[in-house]
Amino acid sequence: MKIYTKTGDKGETALYGGTRVSKASARVESYGTIDELNAFIGVAKSEIKDEQVLNQLKKIQFDLFTLGSESATPTDKLTLANGKSRLALMITDTEIEELEHWMDDFEKELEPLQYFILPGGGRSATSLHVCRTVCRRAERSLVFLNESEEVRPELIKYLNRLSDYLFVLARYVSKLNGESEEYWNPNDR
C-alpha cells in the first residue's frame, strides 16, 4: 500500500467520518498541534533515562493519539446510528486524574515554588518545557475550535492538566539529573 493518496493535493483532507475540510481549518490545526506535541514528547523521551517517567510519557503518547482521533472527529459524527461511539477509546476523567496523581507524587520530591522558573535545567528538562509550551498551544487551538464547533470539555481539560504535568515533570527531571533550576526573580536584575 502506498503512503501517498494524492487526495490532499488541493489543500483538503478527510476527517474521521468522511467529511472533507480545508487543511487550514481549526479542527485540522488542533489535531495537527496535538500530533506535534506527541512528536516533541518522543524527542523528550530520547533524553530521559528514568523508567517510571518513560512509562508515563509512553502512556501520555497513547492518550494523545486517542485525543487526536477524537479532535479529528466532528462531534456530530462521534455517535453511530446504534448509539455507540465511533471511536474505540475516548479521553475521560480517568486519564485526567492519572496526570494529577503523577504530579502529586512528583511534587512531594520538589522544593515549593517561590519564583517563576526559566525554561532550562538540562536537555531533558528543556525538552519537557518545549513540550509544555506546545501543549499550551494545542489547548488554545482546541479552545478556538470549541468557539465554532463543539469539543468535549474533557479534551481541553486533559491538555490543561497535561501542560501542568509537563511543567512539574521538567522540574522533577532536573532534580533527578542534579541540574539546577534558573528562576525569574524580578528582584535579581
N, C-alpha and C. Protein backbone atom coordinates (compact mmCIF):
# COMPACT_ATOMS: atom_id res chain seq x y z
N MET A 1 0.84 -1.18 0.00
CA MET A 1 0.00 0.00 0.00
C MET A 1 0.89 1.25 0.00
N LYS A 2 0.59 2.18 -0.86
CA LYS A 2 1.34 3.43 -0.92
C LYS A 2 0.88 4.38 0.18
N ILE A 3 1.83 5.13 0.71
CA ILE A 3 1.51 6.08 1.78
C ILE A 3 0.83 7.33 1.23
N TYR A 4 1.12 7.66 -0.02
CA TYR A 4 0.50 8.86 -0.57
C TYR A 4 -0.77 8.51 -1.33
N THR A 5 -1.78 9.38 -1.16
CA THR A 5 -3.09 9.14 -1.79
C THR A 5 -3.41 10.19 -2.84
N LYS A 6 -2.76 11.31 -2.78
CA LYS A 6 -2.98 12.47 -3.65
C LYS A 6 -4.32 13.16 -3.41
N THR A 7 -5.09 12.68 -2.43
CA THR A 7 -6.40 13.29 -2.17
C THR A 7 -6.28 14.64 -1.48
N GLY A 8 -5.12 14.96 -0.94
CA GLY A 8 -4.93 16.25 -0.27
C GLY A 8 -4.19 17.27 -1.09
N ASP A 9 -3.96 16.97 -2.34
CA ASP A 9 -3.17 17.85 -3.19
C ASP A 9 -3.79 19.22 -3.41
N LYS A 10 -5.06 19.36 -3.18
CA LYS A 10 -5.74 20.65 -3.38
C LYS A 10 -6.02 21.35 -2.06
N GLY A 11 -5.33 20.93 -0.99
CA GLY A 11 -5.45 21.62 0.28
C GLY A 11 -6.62 21.18 1.14
N GLU A 12 -7.16 20.01 0.88
CA GLU A 12 -8.24 19.48 1.71
C GLU A 12 -7.82 18.13 2.28
N THR A 13 -8.48 17.76 3.36
CA THR A 13 -8.25 16.45 3.97
C THR A 13 -9.58 15.91 4.46
N ALA A 14 -9.62 14.61 4.72
CA ALA A 14 -10.84 13.99 5.24
C ALA A 14 -10.73 13.82 6.74
N LEU A 15 -11.80 14.21 7.43
CA LEU A 15 -11.89 13.97 8.87
C LEU A 15 -12.38 12.56 9.09
N TYR A 16 -12.23 12.08 10.31
CA TYR A 16 -12.76 10.77 10.66
C TYR A 16 -14.28 10.85 10.51
N GLY A 17 -14.85 9.98 9.72
CA GLY A 17 -16.27 10.04 9.42
C GLY A 17 -16.51 10.46 7.98
N GLY A 18 -15.46 10.94 7.28
CA GLY A 18 -15.56 11.19 5.85
C GLY A 18 -15.70 12.62 5.40
N THR A 19 -16.04 13.54 6.28
CA THR A 19 -16.21 14.94 5.89
C THR A 19 -14.88 15.50 5.40
N ARG A 20 -14.91 16.20 4.26
CA ARG A 20 -13.70 16.84 3.72
C ARG A 20 -13.68 18.30 4.15
N VAL A 21 -12.50 18.75 4.61
CA VAL A 21 -12.33 20.13 5.08
C VAL A 21 -11.00 20.66 4.59
N SER A 22 -10.85 21.98 4.67
CA SER A 22 -9.59 22.63 4.35
C SER A 22 -8.52 22.22 5.36
N LYS A 23 -7.31 22.06 4.88
CA LYS A 23 -6.21 21.75 5.80
C LYS A 23 -5.89 22.94 6.70
N ALA A 24 -6.47 24.09 6.43
CA ALA A 24 -6.30 25.28 7.27
C ALA A 24 -7.43 25.43 8.28
N SER A 25 -8.31 24.46 8.38
CA SER A 25 -9.44 24.57 9.31
C SER A 25 -8.98 24.49 10.76
N ALA A 26 -9.80 25.02 11.66
CA ALA A 26 -9.47 24.99 13.09
C ALA A 26 -9.35 23.56 13.59
N ARG A 27 -10.16 22.65 13.08
CA ARG A 27 -10.11 21.26 13.53
C ARG A 27 -8.78 20.62 13.12
N VAL A 28 -8.37 20.83 11.88
CA VAL A 28 -7.10 20.24 11.41
C VAL A 28 -5.93 20.87 12.16
N GLU A 29 -6.00 22.17 12.41
CA GLU A 29 -4.96 22.83 13.20
C GLU A 29 -4.85 22.22 14.59
N SER A 30 -6.01 21.93 15.21
CA SER A 30 -5.97 21.40 16.58
C SER A 30 -5.37 20.00 16.61
N TYR A 31 -5.82 19.09 15.74
CA TYR A 31 -5.24 17.75 15.83
C TYR A 31 -3.82 17.70 15.28
N GLY A 32 -3.47 18.64 14.41
CA GLY A 32 -2.08 18.73 13.95
C GLY A 32 -1.15 19.17 15.07
N THR A 33 -1.61 20.09 15.90
CA THR A 33 -0.80 20.55 17.03
C THR A 33 -0.67 19.46 18.08
N ILE A 34 -1.72 18.68 18.26
CA ILE A 34 -1.65 17.53 19.18
C ILE A 34 -0.63 16.52 18.67
N ASP A 35 -0.61 16.29 17.36
CA ASP A 35 0.38 15.39 16.76
C ASP A 35 1.79 15.94 16.95
N GLU A 36 1.96 17.25 16.79
CA GLU A 36 3.26 17.87 17.01
C GLU A 36 3.71 17.68 18.46
N LEU A 37 2.80 17.87 19.40
CA LEU A 37 3.11 17.66 20.81
C LEU A 37 3.57 16.22 21.03
N ASN A 38 2.88 15.27 20.44
CA ASN A 38 3.24 13.87 20.59
C ASN A 38 4.66 13.62 20.09
N ALA A 39 5.02 14.24 18.97
CA ALA A 39 6.37 14.08 18.43
C ALA A 39 7.41 14.70 19.36
N PHE A 40 7.11 15.87 19.93
CA PHE A 40 8.05 16.50 20.86
C PHE A 40 8.21 15.67 22.14
N ILE A 41 7.15 15.00 22.56
CA ILE A 41 7.29 14.11 23.72
C ILE A 41 8.23 12.96 23.36
N GLY A 42 8.16 12.48 22.13
CA GLY A 42 9.11 11.47 21.68
C GLY A 42 10.54 11.97 21.75
N VAL A 43 10.77 13.22 21.39
CA VAL A 43 12.11 13.81 21.49
C VAL A 43 12.54 13.86 22.96
N ALA A 44 11.64 14.31 23.84
CA ALA A 44 11.96 14.38 25.26
C ALA A 44 12.31 13.00 25.81
N LYS A 45 11.56 11.98 25.39
CA LYS A 45 11.83 10.62 25.87
C LYS A 45 13.24 10.17 25.51
N SER A 46 13.75 10.63 24.39
CA SER A 46 15.10 10.21 23.97
C SER A 46 16.18 10.77 24.89
N GLU A 47 15.83 11.76 25.72
CA GLU A 47 16.78 12.39 26.64
C GLU A 47 16.64 11.88 28.07
N ILE A 48 15.63 11.05 28.34
CA ILE A 48 15.28 10.64 29.70
C ILE A 48 15.65 9.18 29.93
N LYS A 49 16.17 8.89 31.11
CA LYS A 49 16.59 7.52 31.45
C LYS A 49 15.67 6.85 32.46
N ASP A 50 14.94 7.62 33.28
CA ASP A 50 14.12 7.08 34.35
C ASP A 50 12.95 6.26 33.79
N GLU A 51 12.87 4.98 34.16
CA GLU A 51 11.84 4.08 33.61
C GLU A 51 10.43 4.50 33.98
N GLN A 52 10.23 4.96 35.21
CA GLN A 52 8.89 5.40 35.61
C GLN A 52 8.42 6.56 34.73
N VAL A 53 9.29 7.53 34.52
CA VAL A 53 8.96 8.69 33.70
C VAL A 53 8.71 8.25 32.25
N LEU A 54 9.57 7.38 31.75
CA LEU A 54 9.39 6.90 30.37
C LEU A 54 8.07 6.17 30.20
N ASN A 55 7.68 5.37 31.17
CA ASN A 55 6.39 4.67 31.10
C ASN A 55 5.22 5.65 31.12
N GLN A 56 5.33 6.69 31.94
CA GLN A 56 4.28 7.70 31.97
C GLN A 56 4.18 8.42 30.63
N LEU A 57 5.32 8.80 30.08
CA LEU A 57 5.31 9.52 28.80
C LEU A 57 4.78 8.63 27.67
N LYS A 58 5.08 7.34 27.72
CA LYS A 58 4.54 6.42 26.72
C LYS A 58 3.01 6.37 26.82
N LYS A 59 2.49 6.31 28.04
CA LYS A 59 1.04 6.32 28.25
C LYS A 59 0.44 7.62 27.74
N ILE A 60 1.11 8.73 27.98
CA ILE A 60 0.63 10.03 27.51
C ILE A 60 0.61 10.07 25.99
N GLN A 61 1.63 9.52 25.35
CA GLN A 61 1.63 9.48 23.88
C GLN A 61 0.43 8.67 23.37
N PHE A 62 0.13 7.58 24.02
CA PHE A 62 -1.04 6.77 23.66
C PHE A 62 -2.30 7.62 23.82
N ASP A 63 -2.41 8.31 24.96
CA ASP A 63 -3.58 9.15 25.22
C ASP A 63 -3.69 10.28 24.20
N LEU A 64 -2.56 10.83 23.78
CA LEU A 64 -2.60 11.90 22.78
C LEU A 64 -3.10 11.40 21.43
N PHE A 65 -2.79 10.15 21.09
CA PHE A 65 -3.37 9.58 19.86
C PHE A 65 -4.88 9.47 20.01
N THR A 66 -5.32 9.05 21.18
CA THR A 66 -6.76 8.95 21.46
C THR A 66 -7.40 10.33 21.35
N LEU A 67 -6.78 11.32 21.99
CA LEU A 67 -7.29 12.69 21.97
C LEU A 67 -7.28 13.24 20.54
N GLY A 68 -6.23 12.96 19.81
CA GLY A 68 -6.14 13.42 18.43
C GLY A 68 -7.21 12.83 17.53
N SER A 69 -7.50 11.55 17.73
CA SER A 69 -8.54 10.92 16.90
C SER A 69 -9.90 11.53 17.20
N GLU A 70 -10.14 11.85 18.47
CA GLU A 70 -11.42 12.48 18.79
C GLU A 70 -11.47 13.92 18.27
N SER A 71 -10.37 14.63 18.37
CA SER A 71 -10.39 16.01 17.87
C SER A 71 -10.49 16.05 16.35
N ALA A 72 -10.17 14.95 15.68
CA ALA A 72 -10.32 14.85 14.22
C ALA A 72 -11.72 14.40 13.81
N THR A 73 -12.57 14.20 14.78
CA THR A 73 -13.92 13.71 14.51
C THR A 73 -14.94 14.76 14.91
N PRO A 74 -15.71 15.28 13.96
CA PRO A 74 -16.76 16.23 14.34
C PRO A 74 -17.71 15.58 15.36
N THR A 75 -18.13 16.36 16.33
CA THR A 75 -18.96 15.84 17.42
C THR A 75 -20.21 15.13 16.89
N ASP A 76 -20.79 15.65 15.80
CA ASP A 76 -22.00 15.00 15.27
C ASP A 76 -21.70 13.66 14.60
N LYS A 77 -20.43 13.34 14.44
CA LYS A 77 -20.03 12.05 13.85
C LYS A 77 -19.50 11.07 14.91
N LEU A 78 -19.46 11.50 16.17
CA LEU A 78 -18.92 10.64 17.23
C LEU A 78 -19.80 9.43 17.51
N THR A 79 -21.10 9.58 17.36
CA THR A 79 -22.03 8.52 17.70
C THR A 79 -22.59 7.87 16.44
N LEU A 80 -22.55 6.55 16.42
CA LEU A 80 -23.11 5.79 15.29
C LEU A 80 -24.63 5.68 15.43
N ALA A 81 -25.28 5.20 14.40
CA ALA A 81 -26.74 5.07 14.40
C ALA A 81 -27.24 4.19 15.55
N ASN A 82 -26.44 3.22 15.96
CA ASN A 82 -26.85 2.32 17.04
C ASN A 82 -26.59 2.92 18.43
N GLY A 83 -26.11 4.18 18.48
CA GLY A 83 -25.89 4.85 19.75
C GLY A 83 -24.51 4.65 20.34
N LYS A 84 -23.70 3.80 19.73
CA LYS A 84 -22.34 3.56 20.23
C LYS A 84 -21.37 4.58 19.65
N SER A 85 -20.27 4.75 20.34
CA SER A 85 -19.24 5.68 19.89
C SER A 85 -18.54 5.13 18.65
N ARG A 86 -18.26 6.02 17.73
CA ARG A 86 -17.49 5.66 16.54
C ARG A 86 -16.05 5.30 16.93
N LEU A 87 -15.60 5.87 18.05
CA LEU A 87 -14.22 5.69 18.48
C LEU A 87 -14.12 4.59 19.53
N ALA A 88 -13.09 3.79 19.43
CA ALA A 88 -12.89 2.71 20.41
C ALA A 88 -12.52 3.27 21.78
N LEU A 89 -11.79 4.39 21.79
CA LEU A 89 -11.34 5.00 23.04
C LEU A 89 -11.63 6.49 23.01
N MET A 90 -11.89 7.04 24.19
CA MET A 90 -12.07 8.48 24.34
C MET A 90 -11.41 8.91 25.65
N ILE A 91 -10.95 10.14 25.70
CA ILE A 91 -10.35 10.68 26.92
C ILE A 91 -11.47 10.90 27.94
N THR A 92 -11.21 10.45 29.17
CA THR A 92 -12.20 10.58 30.25
C THR A 92 -11.53 11.20 31.47
N ASP A 93 -12.30 11.37 32.52
CA ASP A 93 -11.74 11.87 33.77
C ASP A 93 -10.66 10.95 34.33
N THR A 94 -10.69 9.67 33.97
CA THR A 94 -9.68 8.72 34.44
C THR A 94 -8.28 9.15 34.01
N GLU A 95 -8.12 9.53 32.75
CA GLU A 95 -6.81 9.96 32.25
C GLU A 95 -6.38 11.28 32.89
N ILE A 96 -7.34 12.16 33.13
CA ILE A 96 -7.04 13.45 33.76
C ILE A 96 -6.58 13.23 35.20
N GLU A 97 -7.29 12.38 35.92
CA GLU A 97 -6.92 12.08 37.32
C GLU A 97 -5.58 11.38 37.41
N GLU A 98 -5.25 10.58 36.41
CA GLU A 98 -3.95 9.91 36.38
C GLU A 98 -2.82 10.95 36.34
N LEU A 99 -2.98 11.97 35.48
CA LEU A 99 -1.99 13.04 35.43
C LEU A 99 -1.86 13.75 36.78
N GLU A 100 -2.99 14.01 37.41
CA GLU A 100 -2.98 14.67 38.71
C GLU A 100 -2.24 13.83 39.75
N HIS A 101 -2.48 12.54 39.75
CA HIS A 101 -1.81 11.63 40.69
C HIS A 101 -0.30 11.65 40.47
N TRP A 102 0.11 11.56 39.21
CA TRP A 102 1.54 11.58 38.91
C TRP A 102 2.18 12.90 39.37
N MET A 103 1.48 14.02 39.11
CA MET A 103 2.01 15.32 39.55
C MET A 103 2.15 15.39 41.06
N ASP A 104 1.14 14.92 41.76
CA ASP A 104 1.18 14.94 43.23
C ASP A 104 2.39 14.16 43.74
N ASP A 105 2.67 13.01 43.14
CA ASP A 105 3.82 12.21 43.56
C ASP A 105 5.13 12.95 43.30
N PHE A 106 5.27 13.57 42.15
CA PHE A 106 6.50 14.30 41.83
C PHE A 106 6.68 15.51 42.74
N GLU A 107 5.59 16.23 43.00
CA GLU A 107 5.69 17.45 43.79
C GLU A 107 6.14 17.18 45.23
N LYS A 108 5.89 15.96 45.74
CA LYS A 108 6.37 15.60 47.07
C LYS A 108 7.89 15.63 47.14
N GLU A 109 8.54 15.47 46.00
CA GLU A 109 10.00 15.41 45.93
C GLU A 109 10.64 16.77 45.65
N LEU A 110 9.81 17.78 45.36
CA LEU A 110 10.33 19.07 44.90
C LEU A 110 10.20 20.15 45.96
N GLU A 111 11.10 21.12 45.88
CA GLU A 111 11.00 22.31 46.72
C GLU A 111 9.80 23.13 46.25
N PRO A 112 9.10 23.77 47.18
CA PRO A 112 7.98 24.63 46.78
C PRO A 112 8.45 25.76 45.87
N LEU A 113 7.60 26.14 44.93
CA LEU A 113 7.93 27.24 44.03
C LEU A 113 7.86 28.57 44.76
N GLN A 114 8.87 29.41 44.53
CA GLN A 114 8.87 30.76 45.09
C GLN A 114 8.93 31.80 43.99
N TYR A 115 9.45 31.40 42.82
CA TYR A 115 9.60 32.29 41.67
C TYR A 115 9.21 31.53 40.41
N PHE A 116 9.00 32.27 39.34
CA PHE A 116 8.81 31.63 38.04
C PHE A 116 10.12 30.95 37.65
N ILE A 117 9.99 29.85 36.95
CA ILE A 117 11.17 29.10 36.52
C ILE A 117 11.41 29.37 35.04
N LEU A 118 12.66 29.68 34.71
CA LEU A 118 13.02 29.86 33.31
C LEU A 118 13.14 28.47 32.67
N PRO A 119 12.66 28.31 31.43
CA PRO A 119 12.80 27.01 30.77
C PRO A 119 14.28 26.66 30.65
N GLY A 120 14.65 25.52 31.15
CA GLY A 120 16.03 25.08 31.13
C GLY A 120 16.22 23.95 32.11
N GLY A 121 17.44 23.76 32.58
CA GLY A 121 17.72 22.72 33.55
C GLY A 121 18.32 21.48 32.94
N GLY A 122 18.91 21.58 31.78
CA GLY A 122 19.49 20.42 31.11
C GLY A 122 18.64 20.03 29.90
N ARG A 123 19.17 19.13 29.09
CA ARG A 123 18.50 18.77 27.84
C ARG A 123 17.13 18.13 28.05
N SER A 124 17.03 17.21 28.99
CA SER A 124 15.75 16.53 29.19
C SER A 124 14.70 17.49 29.74
N ALA A 125 15.06 18.29 30.72
CA ALA A 125 14.11 19.24 31.29
C ALA A 125 13.71 20.30 30.26
N THR A 126 14.69 20.77 29.50
CA THR A 126 14.39 21.77 28.47
C THR A 126 13.45 21.19 27.42
N SER A 127 13.66 19.94 27.03
CA SER A 127 12.74 19.29 26.08
C SER A 127 11.33 19.23 26.64
N LEU A 128 11.21 18.97 27.93
CA LEU A 128 9.89 18.92 28.56
C LEU A 128 9.24 20.30 28.61
N HIS A 129 10.04 21.34 28.79
CA HIS A 129 9.49 22.70 28.75
C HIS A 129 8.97 23.02 27.34
N VAL A 130 9.68 22.58 26.31
CA VAL A 130 9.17 22.76 24.94
C VAL A 130 7.85 22.02 24.79
N CYS A 131 7.77 20.80 25.29
CA CYS A 131 6.51 20.04 25.24
C CYS A 131 5.39 20.81 25.93
N ARG A 132 5.70 21.41 27.07
CA ARG A 132 4.71 22.17 27.83
C ARG A 132 4.16 23.32 27.00
N THR A 133 5.03 24.04 26.30
CA THR A 133 4.56 25.19 25.52
C THR A 133 3.76 24.74 24.30
N VAL A 134 4.16 23.64 23.68
CA VAL A 134 3.38 23.11 22.55
C VAL A 134 2.03 22.60 23.05
N CYS A 135 2.02 22.03 24.24
CA CYS A 135 0.77 21.57 24.85
C CYS A 135 -0.18 22.74 25.08
N ARG A 136 0.34 23.85 25.56
CA ARG A 136 -0.50 25.04 25.75
C ARG A 136 -1.07 25.52 24.41
N ARG A 137 -0.26 25.45 23.36
CA ARG A 137 -0.76 25.85 22.03
C ARG A 137 -1.85 24.90 21.56
N ALA A 138 -1.66 23.59 21.81
CA ALA A 138 -2.69 22.61 21.44
C ALA A 138 -3.98 22.90 22.20
N GLU A 139 -3.84 23.24 23.47
CA GLU A 139 -5.02 23.59 24.27
C GLU A 139 -5.72 24.82 23.69
N ARG A 140 -4.95 25.85 23.36
CA ARG A 140 -5.54 27.06 22.78
C ARG A 140 -6.24 26.75 21.46
N SER A 141 -5.66 25.86 20.67
CA SER A 141 -6.29 25.53 19.38
C SER A 141 -7.61 24.79 19.58
N LEU A 142 -7.69 23.94 20.60
CA LEU A 142 -8.97 23.26 20.89
C LEU A 142 -10.00 24.25 21.43
N VAL A 143 -9.57 25.19 22.25
CA VAL A 143 -10.48 26.22 22.75
C VAL A 143 -11.01 27.05 21.58
N PHE A 144 -10.12 27.40 20.65
CA PHE A 144 -10.54 28.15 19.46
C PHE A 144 -11.53 27.33 18.64
N LEU A 145 -11.26 26.05 18.43
CA LEU A 145 -12.19 25.18 17.70
C LEU A 145 -13.53 25.14 18.41
N ASN A 146 -13.51 25.07 19.73
CA ASN A 146 -14.73 24.98 20.51
C ASN A 146 -15.61 26.22 20.39
N GLU A 147 -15.03 27.33 19.95
CA GLU A 147 -15.82 28.55 19.74
C GLU A 147 -16.74 28.44 18.53
N SER A 148 -16.41 27.55 17.59
CA SER A 148 -17.25 27.39 16.40
C SER A 148 -17.86 25.99 16.27
N GLU A 149 -17.20 24.99 16.83
CA GLU A 149 -17.69 23.61 16.79
C GLU A 149 -17.50 23.00 18.17
N GLU A 150 -18.47 22.22 18.59
CA GLU A 150 -18.40 21.64 19.93
C GLU A 150 -17.21 20.70 20.08
N VAL A 151 -16.54 20.83 21.21
CA VAL A 151 -15.45 19.95 21.62
C VAL A 151 -15.81 19.45 23.01
N ARG A 152 -15.70 18.16 23.24
CA ARG A 152 -15.98 17.66 24.59
C ARG A 152 -15.03 18.32 25.59
N PRO A 153 -15.54 18.80 26.72
CA PRO A 153 -14.70 19.53 27.68
C PRO A 153 -13.55 18.70 28.23
N GLU A 154 -13.67 17.38 28.25
CA GLU A 154 -12.59 16.52 28.76
C GLU A 154 -11.31 16.69 27.94
N LEU A 155 -11.44 16.99 26.64
CA LEU A 155 -10.25 17.14 25.80
C LEU A 155 -9.45 18.38 26.21
N ILE A 156 -10.15 19.48 26.41
CA ILE A 156 -9.49 20.72 26.82
C ILE A 156 -8.91 20.55 28.23
N LYS A 157 -9.68 19.95 29.10
CA LYS A 157 -9.23 19.73 30.48
C LYS A 157 -7.98 18.85 30.51
N TYR A 158 -7.95 17.80 29.66
CA TYR A 158 -6.78 16.92 29.62
C TYR A 158 -5.53 17.71 29.23
N LEU A 159 -5.63 18.51 28.18
CA LEU A 159 -4.45 19.27 27.73
C LEU A 159 -4.04 20.31 28.77
N ASN A 160 -4.99 20.91 29.45
CA ASN A 160 -4.67 21.85 30.52
C ASN A 160 -3.87 21.14 31.62
N ARG A 161 -4.35 19.98 32.03
CA ARG A 161 -3.67 19.23 33.08
C ARG A 161 -2.32 18.71 32.59
N LEU A 162 -2.27 18.29 31.32
CA LEU A 162 -1.01 17.77 30.77
C LEU A 162 0.08 18.84 30.78
N SER A 163 -0.26 20.07 30.46
CA SER A 163 0.77 21.12 30.48
C SER A 163 1.29 21.33 31.90
N ASP A 164 0.39 21.24 32.89
CA ASP A 164 0.84 21.33 34.28
C ASP A 164 1.78 20.16 34.61
N TYR A 165 1.39 18.97 34.20
CA TYR A 165 2.21 17.78 34.43
C TYR A 165 3.60 17.95 33.81
N LEU A 166 3.65 18.44 32.57
CA LEU A 166 4.94 18.60 31.89
C LEU A 166 5.83 19.60 32.61
N PHE A 167 5.22 20.65 33.19
CA PHE A 167 5.98 21.62 33.98
C PHE A 167 6.57 20.95 35.22
N VAL A 168 5.74 20.24 35.95
CA VAL A 168 6.20 19.55 37.17
C VAL A 168 7.25 18.50 36.80
N LEU A 169 7.01 17.78 35.72
CA LEU A 169 7.96 16.75 35.29
C LEU A 169 9.31 17.36 34.92
N ALA A 170 9.31 18.51 34.26
CA ALA A 170 10.58 19.17 33.92
C ALA A 170 11.36 19.49 35.20
N ARG A 171 10.66 19.96 36.21
CA ARG A 171 11.31 20.24 37.49
C ARG A 171 11.85 18.96 38.13
N TYR A 172 11.03 17.91 38.09
CA TYR A 172 11.41 16.63 38.69
C TYR A 172 12.63 16.03 37.98
N VAL A 173 12.63 16.07 36.67
CA VAL A 173 13.75 15.52 35.90
C VAL A 173 15.02 16.33 36.16
N SER A 174 14.89 17.64 36.31
CA SER A 174 16.07 18.45 36.67
C SER A 174 16.65 17.97 37.99
N LYS A 175 15.76 17.71 38.94
CA LYS A 175 16.23 17.23 40.25
C LYS A 175 16.88 15.86 40.11
N LEU A 176 16.24 14.95 39.37
CA LEU A 176 16.82 13.61 39.17
C LEU A 176 18.22 13.69 38.59
N ASN A 177 18.41 14.62 37.67
CA ASN A 177 19.69 14.73 36.97
C ASN A 177 20.69 15.63 37.69
N GLY A 178 20.30 16.16 38.86
CA GLY A 178 21.20 17.03 39.61
C GLY A 178 21.45 18.36 38.93
N GLU A 179 20.50 18.82 38.13
CA GLU A 179 20.65 20.08 37.39
C GLU A 179 19.85 21.17 38.10
N SER A 180 20.46 22.32 38.26
CA SER A 180 19.78 23.39 38.98
C SER A 180 18.78 24.10 38.08
N GLU A 181 17.74 24.61 38.74
CA GLU A 181 16.73 25.40 38.03
C GLU A 181 17.15 26.86 38.07
N GLU A 182 16.77 27.57 37.01
CA GLU A 182 17.02 29.00 36.97
C GLU A 182 15.69 29.70 37.19
N TYR A 183 15.72 30.77 38.01
CA TYR A 183 14.50 31.46 38.38
C TYR A 183 14.42 32.83 37.73
N TRP A 184 13.21 33.23 37.46
CA TRP A 184 12.95 34.61 37.05
C TRP A 184 12.53 35.34 38.32
N ASN A 185 13.49 36.09 38.85
CA ASN A 185 13.24 36.84 40.06
C ASN A 185 13.43 38.32 39.72
N PRO A 186 12.34 39.09 39.70
CA PRO A 186 12.45 40.50 39.32
C PRO A 186 13.35 41.31 40.25
N ASN A 187 13.63 40.76 41.44
CA ASN A 187 14.50 41.47 42.38
C ASN A 187 15.98 41.26 42.10
N ASP A 188 16.30 40.29 41.22
CA ASP A 188 17.71 39.98 40.89
C ASP A 188 18.02 40.48 39.47
N ARG A 189 18.04 41.76 39.29
CA ARG A 189 18.32 42.30 37.95
C ARG A 189 19.76 42.63 37.80
